[in-house]
Amino acid sequence: MSLQNDVIDLPPDAWPRLEELNGDMRTVAELIGIGNALKLAQRFDGTPVRIYGWKTWTRSWRDQCIRRDYDSGWYSGIELARKYGLQERQIWNILGRTDGRQLRLF
């Protein structure tokens, strides 16, 4: 087993205090906790890491919520635009997409 891929689970009394961390390491520790930040740092050990996809996931979730709200009959297009901070045209674009349940006519 390669040591470079092993992550040592340090006991909490071996962790630095949040105030002792700098830059990105501190930001990550604030988001996911010091223990998890240390594991992440050990695993990637200075390698630049870019995390993509969160916009796609959140946009997909938002679009599902818009569809659910519209299908409930309680919201109009303009109300959905206000609720989700979008232009009304974008709401209609989202509602016009098929999700596999409906066949396109043309």
Protein backbone atom coordinates (compact mmCIF):
# COMPACT_ATOMS: atom_id res chain seq x y z
CA MET A 1 0.00 0.00 0.00
CA SER A 2 1.34 3.41 -0.94
CA LEU A 3 1.85 5.83 1.91
CA GLN A 4 1.06 8.87 -0.23
CA ASN A 5 -2.61 7.79 -0.57
CA ASP A 6 -3.05 6.81 3.08
CA VAL A 7 -4.91 9.29 5.24
CA ILE A 8 -4.04 9.29 8.91
CA ASP A 9 -7.04 9.94 11.13
CA LEU A 10 -5.54 12.28 13.70
CA PRO A 11 -7.16 12.44 17.13
CA PRO A 12 -8.82 15.78 17.93
CA ASP A 13 -6.16 16.66 20.53
CA ALA A 14 -3.59 16.64 17.67
CA TRP A 15 -5.60 19.07 15.52
CA PRO A 16 -4.52 22.70 15.21
CA ARG A 17 -6.91 25.38 16.43
CA LEU A 18 -8.88 27.15 13.71
CA GLU A 19 -6.98 30.37 14.46
CA GLU A 20 -3.70 28.58 13.60
CA LEU A 21 -4.83 27.77 10.06
CA ASN A 22 -4.25 30.20 7.21
CA GLY A 23 -5.74 30.94 3.80
CA ASP A 24 -7.65 28.26 1.97
CA MET A 25 -6.98 25.68 4.68
CA ARG A 26 -8.82 27.84 7.20
CA THR A 27 -11.71 28.43 4.78
CA VAL A 28 -12.05 24.69 4.14
CA ALA A 29 -11.86 23.94 7.88
CA GLU A 30 -14.64 26.47 8.53
CA LEU A 31 -16.81 24.72 5.93
CA ILE A 32 -16.22 21.04 6.67
CA GLY A 33 -14.50 20.99 10.05
CA ILE A 34 -10.85 20.81 11.06
CA GLY A 35 -10.65 16.99 11.06
CA ASN A 36 -12.08 16.68 7.56
CA ALA A 37 -9.93 19.55 6.28
CA LEU A 38 -6.83 17.77 7.59
CA LYS A 39 -7.87 14.56 5.82
CA LEU A 40 -8.45 16.46 2.59
CA ALA A 41 -5.07 18.19 2.89
CA GLN A 42 -3.34 14.86 3.53
CA ARG A 43 -5.01 13.18 0.58
CA PHE A 44 -4.20 15.90 -1.93
CA ASP A 45 -0.95 17.08 -0.27
CA GLY A 46 -0.48 20.41 -2.02
CA THR A 47 -2.02 19.37 -5.33
CA PRO A 48 -4.26 22.12 -6.70
CA VAL A 49 -7.86 20.89 -6.56
CA ARG A 50 -10.74 22.35 -8.55
CA ILE A 51 -14.21 21.23 -7.64
CA TYR A 52 -16.69 21.55 -10.48
CA GLY A 53 -20.30 20.62 -10.71
CA TRP A 54 -21.96 22.39 -7.82
CA LYS A 55 -23.61 24.94 -10.12
CA THR A 56 -25.02 22.16 -12.28
CA TRP A 57 -26.36 20.29 -9.24
CA THR A 58 -27.92 23.35 -7.64
CA ARG A 59 -29.36 24.56 -10.96
CA SER A 60 -30.93 21.15 -11.56
CA TRP A 61 -32.41 21.16 -8.06
CA ARG A 62 -33.72 24.73 -8.54
CA ASP A 63 -35.32 23.75 -11.85
CA GLN A 64 -37.04 20.77 -10.20
CA CYS A 65 -38.38 23.08 -7.48
CA ILE A 66 -39.68 25.50 -10.13
CA ARG A 67 -41.43 22.64 -11.94
CA ARG A 68 -42.92 21.36 -8.66
CA ASP A 69 -44.15 24.82 -7.65
CA TYR A 70 -45.66 25.46 -11.08
CA ASP A 71 -47.34 22.05 -11.21
CA SER A 72 -48.87 22.69 -7.79
CA GLY A 73 -50.98 25.43 -9.39
CA TRP A 74 -50.15 27.96 -6.67
CA TYR A 75 -47.64 30.02 -8.66
CA SER A 76 -47.73 31.87 -11.95
CA GLY A 77 -44.67 32.38 -14.13
CA ILE A 78 -44.14 35.90 -12.84
CA GLU A 79 -44.47 34.78 -9.21
CA LEU A 80 -41.91 32.03 -9.79
CA ALA A 81 -39.56 34.57 -11.37
CA ARG A 82 -39.77 36.71 -8.24
CA LYS A 83 -39.43 33.74 -5.90
CA TYR A 84 -36.31 32.35 -7.61
CA GLY A 85 -34.74 35.65 -8.69
CA LEU A 86 -34.97 34.91 -12.41
CA GLN A 87 -36.47 36.61 -15.42
CA GLU A 88 -39.92 35.37 -16.38
CA ARG A 89 -38.57 34.28 -19.78
CA GLN A 90 -36.07 31.99 -18.03
CA ILE A 91 -38.89 30.45 -15.97
CA TRP A 92 -40.76 29.60 -19.17
CA ASN A 93 -37.57 28.17 -20.70
CA ILE A 94 -37.15 25.92 -17.66
CA LEU A 95 -40.81 24.86 -17.72
CA GLY A 96 -40.62 24.20 -21.46
CA ARG A 97 -37.84 21.62 -21.11
CA THR A 98 -38.88 18.00 -21.15
CA ASP A 99 -37.79 15.78 -18.30
CA GLY A 100 -38.41 12.44 -19.96
CA ARG A 101 -42.02 12.17 -18.78
CA GLN A 102 -43.42 14.04 -21.76
CA LEU A 103 -42.77 13.33 -25.42
CA ARG A 104 -42.03 16.19 -27.76
CA LEU A 105 -44.62 16.63 -30.50
CA PHE A 106 -42.29 17.97 -33.18
